[in-house]
Amino acid sequence: MQRLEFIIDGEYVELNQLLKLTGVCDSGGAGKAIVADGVVKVDGKVELRKTCKIRAGQVVSLADIRINVLGA
């Protein structure tokens, strides 16, 4: 399993943008498509909201990728 860490500057980052910023996909639009496919989980639950607010302490996973979101 590939483990990534992402440090957010502000209060939150939108889910589709997180996927783009971590290199999981090439663009925010591609991130939205991945989320719409129902393969992304936030804290172990399937997340279908493309612009869901992801905050420090949450874990995003899909396929064999796990992203730990950390605060600045």
PDB file of N, CA and C in Angstrom:
ATOM      1  N   MET A   1       0.839  -1.184   0.000  1.00  0.00           N
ATOM      2  CA  MET A   1       0.000   0.000   0.000  1.00  0.00           C
ATOM      3  C   MET A   1       0.881   1.242   0.000  1.00  0.00           C
ATOM      4  N   GLN A   2       0.526   2.157  -0.874  1.00  0.00           N
ATOM      5  CA  GLN A   2       1.257   3.422  -0.949  1.00  0.00           C
ATOM      6  C   GLN A   2       0.674   4.388   0.068  1.00  0.00           C
ATOM      7  N   ARG A   3       1.533   4.936   0.929  1.00  0.00           N
ATOM      8  CA  ARG A   3       1.087   5.873   1.957  1.00  0.00           C
ATOM      9  C   ARG A   3       1.620   7.267   1.637  1.00  0.00           C
ATOM     10  N   LEU A   4       0.714   8.220   1.622  1.00  0.00           N
ATOM     11  CA  LEU A   4       1.071   9.608   1.350  1.00  0.00           C
ATOM     12  C   LEU A   4       0.666  10.471   2.531  1.00  0.00           C
ATOM     13  N   GLU A   5       1.361  11.577   2.707  1.00  0.00           N
ATOM     14  CA  GLU A   5       0.977  12.560   3.716  1.00  0.00           C
ATOM     15  C   GLU A   5       0.761  13.884   3.005  1.00  0.00           C
ATOM     16  N   PHE A   6      -0.275  14.585   3.412  1.00  0.00           N
ATOM     17  CA  PHE A   6      -0.585  15.888   2.828  1.00  0.00           C
ATOM     18  C   PHE A   6      -0.818  16.875   3.962  1.00  0.00           C
ATOM     19  N   ILE A   7      -0.109  17.979   3.928  1.00  0.00           N
ATOM     20  CA  ILE A   7      -0.240  19.010   4.956  1.00  0.00           C
ATOM     21  C   ILE A   7      -1.099  20.144   4.398  1.00  0.00           C
ATOM     22  N   ILE A   8      -2.204  20.446   5.078  1.00  0.00           N
ATOM     23  CA  ILE A   8      -3.070  21.525   4.611  1.00  0.00           C
ATOM     24  C   ILE A   8      -2.671  22.833   5.277  1.00  0.00           C
ATOM     25  N   ASP A   9      -2.788  23.917   4.508  1.00  0.00           N
ATOM     26  CA  ASP A   9      -2.442  25.246   5.014  1.00  0.00           C
ATOM     27  C   ASP A   9      -3.599  25.868   5.776  1.00  0.00           C
ATOM     28  N   GLY A  10      -4.798  25.715   5.240  1.00  0.00           N
ATOM     29  CA  GLY A  10      -5.967  26.349   5.842  1.00  0.00           C
ATOM     30  C   GLY A  10      -6.775  25.376   6.678  1.00  0.00           C
ATOM     31  N   GLU A  11      -8.072  25.629   6.732  1.00  0.00           N
ATOM     32  CA  GLU A  11      -8.976  24.811   7.539  1.00  0.00           C
ATOM     33  C   GLU A  11      -9.275  23.470   6.876  1.00  0.00           C
ATOM     34  N   TYR A  12      -9.375  23.475   5.544  1.00  0.00           N
ATOM     35  CA  TYR A  12      -9.731  22.251   4.830  1.00  0.00           C
ATOM     36  C   TYR A  12      -9.234  22.312   3.385  1.00  0.00           C
ATOM     37  N   VAL A  13      -9.321  21.156   2.699  1.00  0.00           N
ATOM     38  CA  VAL A  13      -9.066  21.074   1.271  1.00  0.00           C
ATOM     39  C   VAL A  13     -10.200  20.235   0.683  1.00  0.00           C
ATOM     40  N   GLU A  14     -10.677  20.601  -0.498  1.00  0.00           N
ATOM     41  CA  GLU A  14     -11.750  19.840  -1.132  1.00  0.00           C
ATOM     42  C   GLU A  14     -11.195  18.506  -1.614  1.00  0.00           C
ATOM     43  N   LEU A  15     -12.023  17.472  -1.535  1.00  0.00           N
ATOM     44  CA  LEU A  15     -11.585  16.117  -1.853  1.00  0.00           C
ATOM     45  C   LEU A  15     -11.001  15.993  -3.254  1.00  0.00           C
ATOM     46  N   ASN A  16     -11.670  16.536  -4.265  1.00  0.00           N
ATOM     47  CA  ASN A  16     -11.156  16.425  -5.627  1.00  0.00           C
ATOM     48  C   ASN A  16      -9.807  17.139  -5.778  1.00  0.00           C
ATOM     49  N   GLN A  17      -9.626  18.244  -5.069  1.00  0.00           N
ATOM     50  CA  GLN A  17      -8.353  18.974  -5.120  1.00  0.00           C
ATOM     51  C   GLN A  17      -7.255  18.215  -4.381  1.00  0.00           C
ATOM     52  N   LEU A  18      -7.606  17.544  -3.302  1.00  0.00           N
ATOM     53  CA  LEU A  18      -6.633  16.723  -2.577  1.00  0.00           C
ATOM     54  C   LEU A  18      -6.072  15.634  -3.477  1.00  0.00           C
ATOM     55  N   LEU A  19      -6.950  14.990  -4.242  1.00  0.00           N
ATOM     56  CA  LEU A  19      -6.502  13.936  -5.156  1.00  0.00           C
ATOM     57  C   LEU A  19      -5.544  14.501  -6.207  1.00  0.00           C
ATOM     58  N   LYS A  20      -5.832  15.710  -6.686  1.00  0.00           N
ATOM     59  CA  LYS A  20      -4.964  16.363  -7.662  1.00  0.00           C
ATOM     60  C   LYS A  20      -3.629  16.761  -7.028  1.00  0.00           C
ATOM     61  N   LEU A  21      -3.680  17.395  -5.873  1.00  0.00           N
ATOM     62  CA  LEU A  21      -2.469  17.905  -5.229  1.00  0.00           C
ATOM     63  C   LEU A  21      -1.520  16.804  -4.757  1.00  0.00           C
ATOM     64  N   THR A  22      -2.049  15.629  -4.479  1.00  0.00           N
ATOM     65  CA  THR A  22      -1.196  14.510  -4.059  1.00  0.00           C
ATOM     66  C   THR A  22      -0.694  13.698  -5.246  1.00  0.00           C
ATOM     67  N   GLY A  23      -1.143  14.040  -6.455  1.00  0.00           N
ATOM     68  CA  GLY A  23      -0.670  13.336  -7.643  1.00  0.00           C
ATOM     69  C   GLY A  23      -1.430  12.070  -7.971  1.00  0.00           C
ATOM     70  N   VAL A  24      -2.542  11.831  -7.283  1.00  0.00           N
ATOM     71  CA  VAL A  24      -3.358  10.648  -7.561  1.00  0.00           C
ATOM     72  C   VAL A  24      -3.997  10.775  -8.941  1.00  0.00           C
ATOM     73  N   CYS A  25      -4.335  12.015  -9.348  1.00  0.00           N
ATOM     74  CA  CYS A  25      -4.891  12.267 -10.676  1.00  0.00           C
ATOM     75  C   CYS A  25      -4.291  13.560 -11.222  1.00  0.00           C
ATOM     76  N   ASP A  26      -4.537  13.822 -12.490  1.00  0.00           N
ATOM     77  CA  ASP A  26      -3.914  14.960 -13.167  1.00  0.00           C
ATOM     78  C   ASP A  26      -4.636  16.290 -12.982  1.00  0.00           C
ATOM     79  N   SER A  27      -5.949  16.237 -12.687  1.00  0.00           N
ATOM     80  CA  SER A  27      -6.703  17.485 -12.580  1.00  0.00           C
ATOM     81  C   SER A  27      -7.841  17.343 -11.586  1.00  0.00           C
ATOM     82  N   GLY A  28      -8.407  18.472 -11.204  1.00  0.00           N
ATOM     83  CA  GLY A  28      -9.558  18.454 -10.314  1.00  0.00           C
ATOM     84  C   GLY A  28     -10.750  17.752 -10.947  1.00  0.00           C
ATOM     85  N   GLY A  29     -10.890  17.926 -12.256  1.00  0.00           N
ATOM     86  CA  GLY A  29     -11.977  17.247 -12.981  1.00  0.00           C
ATOM     87  C   GLY A  29     -11.825  15.739 -12.942  1.00  0.00           C
ATOM     88  N   ALA A  30     -10.589  15.271 -13.102  1.00  0.00           N
ATOM     89  CA  ALA A  30     -10.325  13.829 -13.010  1.00  0.00           C
ATOM     90  C   ALA A  30     -10.605  13.347 -11.590  1.00  0.00           C
ATOM     91  N   GLY A  31     -10.286  14.185 -10.598  1.00  0.00           N
ATOM     92  CA  GLY A  31     -10.570  13.850  -9.211  1.00  0.00           C
ATOM     93  C   GLY A  31     -12.064  13.697  -8.979  1.00  0.00           C
ATOM     94  N   LYS A  32     -12.864  14.584  -9.579  1.00  0.00           N
ATOM     95  CA  LYS A  32     -14.314  14.495  -9.452  1.00  0.00           C
ATOM     96  C   LYS A  32     -14.834  13.189 -10.040  1.00  0.00           C
ATOM     97  N   ALA A  33     -14.262  12.777 -11.186  1.00  0.00           N
ATOM     98  CA  ALA A  33     -14.686  11.532 -11.830  1.00  0.00           C
ATOM     99  C   ALA A  33     -14.359  10.325 -10.959  1.00  0.00           C
ATOM    100  N   ILE A  34     -13.195  10.334 -10.325  1.00  0.00           N
ATOM    101  CA  ILE A  34     -12.795   9.231  -9.448  1.00  0.00           C
ATOM    102  C   ILE A  34     -13.753   9.137  -8.260  1.00  0.00           C
ATOM    103  N   VAL A  35     -14.079  10.279  -7.675  1.00  0.00           N
ATOM    104  CA  VAL A  35     -15.003  10.294  -6.534  1.00  0.00           C
ATOM    105  C   VAL A  35     -16.379   9.803  -6.973  1.00  0.00           C
ATOM    106  N   ALA A  36     -16.843  10.246  -8.144  1.00  0.00           N
ATOM    107  CA  ALA A  36     -18.160   9.846  -8.653  1.00  0.00           C
ATOM    108  C   ALA A  36     -18.254   8.343  -8.884  1.00  0.00           C
ATOM    109  N   ASP A  37     -17.130   7.698  -9.149  1.00  0.00           N
ATOM    110  CA  ASP A  37     -17.104   6.245  -9.360  1.00  0.00           C
ATOM    111  C   ASP A  37     -17.321   5.465  -8.070  1.00  0.00           C
ATOM    112  N   GLY A  38     -17.268   6.142  -6.928  1.00  0.00           N
ATOM    113  CA  GLY A  38     -17.527   5.491  -5.655  1.00  0.00           C
ATOM    114  C   GLY A  38     -16.378   4.662  -5.108  1.00  0.00           C
ATOM    115  N   VAL A  39     -15.151   4.977  -5.532  1.00  0.00           N
ATOM    116  CA  VAL A  39     -13.992   4.191  -5.096  1.00  0.00           C
ATOM    117  C   VAL A  39     -13.164   4.896  -4.022  1.00  0.00           C
ATOM    118  N   VAL A  40     -13.571   6.121  -3.640  1.00  0.00           N
ATOM    119  CA  VAL A  40     -12.816   6.886  -2.646  1.00  0.00           C
ATOM    120  C   VAL A  40     -13.495   6.757  -1.289  1.00  0.00           C
ATOM    121  N   LYS A  41     -12.698   6.495  -0.263  1.00  0.00           N
ATOM    122  CA  LYS A  41     -13.213   6.416   1.100  1.00  0.00           C
ATOM    123  C   LYS A  41     -12.565   7.508   1.948  1.00  0.00           C
ATOM    124  N   VAL A  42     -13.367   8.093   2.825  1.00  0.00           N
ATOM    125  CA  VAL A  42     -12.877   9.066   3.798  1.00  0.00           C
ATOM    126  C   VAL A  42     -13.169   8.482   5.171  1.00  0.00           C
ATOM    127  N   ASP A  43     -12.125   8.270   5.934  1.00  0.00           N
ATOM    128  CA  ASP A  43     -12.250   7.647   7.257  1.00  0.00           C
ATOM    129  C   ASP A  43     -13.009   6.321   7.186  1.00  0.00           C
ATOM    130  N   GLY A  44     -12.740   5.548   6.128  1.00  0.00           N
ATOM    131  CA  GLY A  44     -13.317   4.212   5.997  1.00  0.00           C
ATOM    132  C   GLY A  44     -14.694   4.131   5.381  1.00  0.00           C
ATOM    133  N   LYS A  45     -15.311   5.271   5.055  1.00  0.00           N
ATOM    134  CA  LYS A  45     -16.651   5.276   4.464  1.00  0.00           C
ATOM    135  C   LYS A  45     -16.591   5.835   3.049  1.00  0.00           C
ATOM    136  N   VAL A  46     -17.328   5.216   2.128  1.00  0.00           N
ATOM    137  CA  VAL A  46     -17.364   5.681   0.741  1.00  0.00           C
ATOM    138  C   VAL A  46     -17.879   7.112   0.720  1.00  0.00           C
ATOM    139  N   GLU A  47     -17.168   7.966  -0.001  1.00  0.00           N
ATOM    140  CA  GLU A  47     -17.534   9.391  -0.110  1.00  0.00           C
ATOM    141  C   GLU A  47     -17.868   9.713  -1.558  1.00  0.00           C
ATOM    142  N   LEU A  48     -19.070  10.212  -1.804  1.00  0.00           N
ATOM    143  CA  LEU A  48     -19.499  10.553  -3.162  1.00  0.00           C
ATOM    144  C   LEU A  48     -19.570  12.058  -3.401  1.00  0.00           C
ATOM    145  N   ARG A  49     -19.355  12.855  -2.359  1.00  0.00           N
ATOM    146  CA  ARG A  49     -19.374  14.316  -2.525  1.00  0.00           C
ATOM    147  C   ARG A  49     -18.008  14.749  -3.058  1.00  0.00           C
ATOM    148  N   LYS A  50     -17.993  15.247  -4.265  1.00  0.00           N
ATOM    149  CA  LYS A  50     -16.736  15.577  -4.946  1.00  0.00           C
ATOM    150  C   LYS A  50     -15.951  16.676  -4.255  1.00  0.00           C
ATOM    151  N   THR A  51     -16.639  17.639  -3.681  1.00  0.00           N
ATOM    152  CA  THR A  51     -15.956  18.761  -3.033  1.00  0.00           C
ATOM    153  C   THR A  51     -16.091  18.695  -1.513  1.00  0.00           C
ATOM    154  N   CYS A  52     -16.208  17.499  -0.998  1.00  0.00           N
ATOM    155  CA  CYS A  52     -16.273  17.274   0.451  1.00  0.00           C
ATOM    156  C   CYS A  52     -15.062  17.931   1.117  1.00  0.00           C
ATOM    157  N   LYS A  53     -15.290  18.579   2.254  1.00  0.00           N
ATOM    158  CA  LYS A  53     -14.201  19.262   2.959  1.00  0.00           C
ATOM    159  C   LYS A  53     -13.397  18.249   3.775  1.00  0.00           C
ATOM    160  N   ILE A  54     -12.116  18.123   3.447  1.00  0.00           N
ATOM    161  CA  ILE A  54     -11.223  17.215   4.151  1.00  0.00           C
ATOM    162  C   ILE A  54     -10.365  18.044   5.100  1.00  0.00           C
ATOM    163  N   ARG A  55     -10.373  17.649   6.360  1.00  0.00           N
ATOM    164  CA  ARG A  55      -9.656  18.404   7.397  1.00  0.00           C
ATOM    165  C   ARG A  55      -8.514  17.576   7.973  1.00  0.00           C
ATOM    166  N   ALA A  56      -7.624  18.240   8.702  1.00  0.00           N
ATOM    167  CA  ALA A  56      -6.495  17.567   9.341  1.00  0.00           C
ATOM    168  C   ALA A  56      -7.007  16.433  10.226  1.00  0.00           C
ATOM    169  N   GLY A  57      -6.325  15.306  10.172  1.00  0.00           N
ATOM    170  CA  GLY A  57      -6.685  14.142  10.970  1.00  0.00           C
ATOM    171  C   GLY A  57      -7.496  13.113  10.215  1.00  0.00           C
ATOM    172  N   GLN A  58      -7.997  13.487   9.041  1.00  0.00           N
ATOM    173  CA  GLN A  58      -8.780  12.534   8.262  1.00  0.00           C
ATOM    174  C   GLN A  58      -7.867  11.686   7.377  1.00  0.00           C
ATOM    175  N   VAL A  59      -8.378  10.520   6.979  1.00  0.00           N
ATOM    176  CA  VAL A  59      -7.641   9.599   6.119  1.00  0.00           C
ATOM    177  C   VAL A  59      -8.486   9.341   4.875  1.00  0.00           C
ATOM    178  N   VAL A  60      -7.878   9.548   3.707  1.00  0.00           N
ATOM    179  CA  VAL A  60      -8.541   9.308   2.428  1.00  0.00           C
ATOM    180  C   VAL A  60      -7.866   8.108   1.786  1.00  0.00           C
ATOM    181  N   SER A  61      -8.666   7.169   1.284  1.00  0.00           N
ATOM    182  CA  SER A  61      -8.072   5.993   0.660  1.00  0.00           C
ATOM    183  C   SER A  61      -8.827   5.612  -0.606  1.00  0.00           C
ATOM    184  N   LEU A  62      -8.080   5.037  -1.538  1.00  0.00           N
ATOM    185  CA  LEU A  62      -8.648   4.476  -2.745  1.00  0.00           C
ATOM    186  C   LEU A  62      -7.645   3.484  -3.303  1.00  0.00           C
ATOM    187  N   ALA A  63      -8.168   2.382  -3.796  1.00  0.00           N
ATOM    188  CA  ALA A  63      -7.328   1.290  -4.297  1.00  0.00           C
ATOM    189  C   ALA A  63      -6.251   0.974  -3.263  1.00  0.00           C
ATOM    190  N   ASP A  64      -4.983   1.078  -3.635  1.00  0.00           N
ATOM    191  CA  ASP A  64      -3.889   0.774  -2.702  1.00  0.00           C
ATOM    192  C   ASP A  64      -3.197   2.040  -2.208  1.00  0.00           C
ATOM    193  N   ILE A  65      -3.908   3.168  -2.231  1.00  0.00           N
ATOM    194  CA  ILE A  65      -3.336   4.450  -1.804  1.00  0.00           C
ATOM    195  C   ILE A  65      -4.040   4.917  -0.534  1.00  0.00           C
ATOM    196  N   ARG A  66      -3.246   5.364   0.427  1.00  0.00           N
ATOM    197  CA  ARG A  66      -3.784   5.910   1.689  1.00  0.00           C
ATOM    198  C   ARG A  66      -3.148   7.290   1.886  1.00  0.00           C
ATOM    199  N   ILE A  67      -3.992   8.321   2.052  1.00  0.00           N
ATOM    200  CA  ILE A  67      -3.515   9.687   2.245  1.00  0.00           C
ATOM    201  C   ILE A  67      -3.872  10.141   3.653  1.00  0.00           C
ATOM    202  N   ASN A  68      -2.856  10.414   4.463  1.00  0.00           N
ATOM    203  CA  ASN A  68      -3.058  10.960   5.794  1.00  0.00           C
ATOM    204  C   ASN A  68      -2.990  12.485   5.683  1.00  0.00           C
ATOM    205  N   VAL A  69      -4.020  13.161   6.137  1.00  0.00           N
ATOM    206  CA  VAL A  69      -4.094  14.614   6.046  1.00  0.00           C
ATOM    207  C   VAL A  69      -3.659  15.200   7.384  1.00  0.00           C
ATOM    208  N   LEU A  70      -2.649  16.047   7.325  1.00  0.00           N
ATOM    209  CA  LEU A  70      -2.059  16.630   8.523  1.00  0.00           C
ATOM    210  C   LEU A  70      -2.248  18.138   8.541  1.00  0.00           C
ATOM    211  N   GLY A  71      -2.306  18.721   9.710  1.00  0.00           N
ATOM    212  CA  GLY A  71      -2.398  20.171   9.847  1.00  0.00           C
ATOM    213  C   GLY A  71      -1.026  20.790   9.778  1.00  0.00           C
ATOM    214  N   ALA A  72      -0.976  22.073   9.451  1.00  0.00           N
ATOM    215  CA  ALA A  72       0.310  22.782   9.322  1.00  0.00           C
ATOM    216  C   ALA A  72       0.944  23.009  10.671  1.00  0.00           C
TER     217      ALA A  72
END
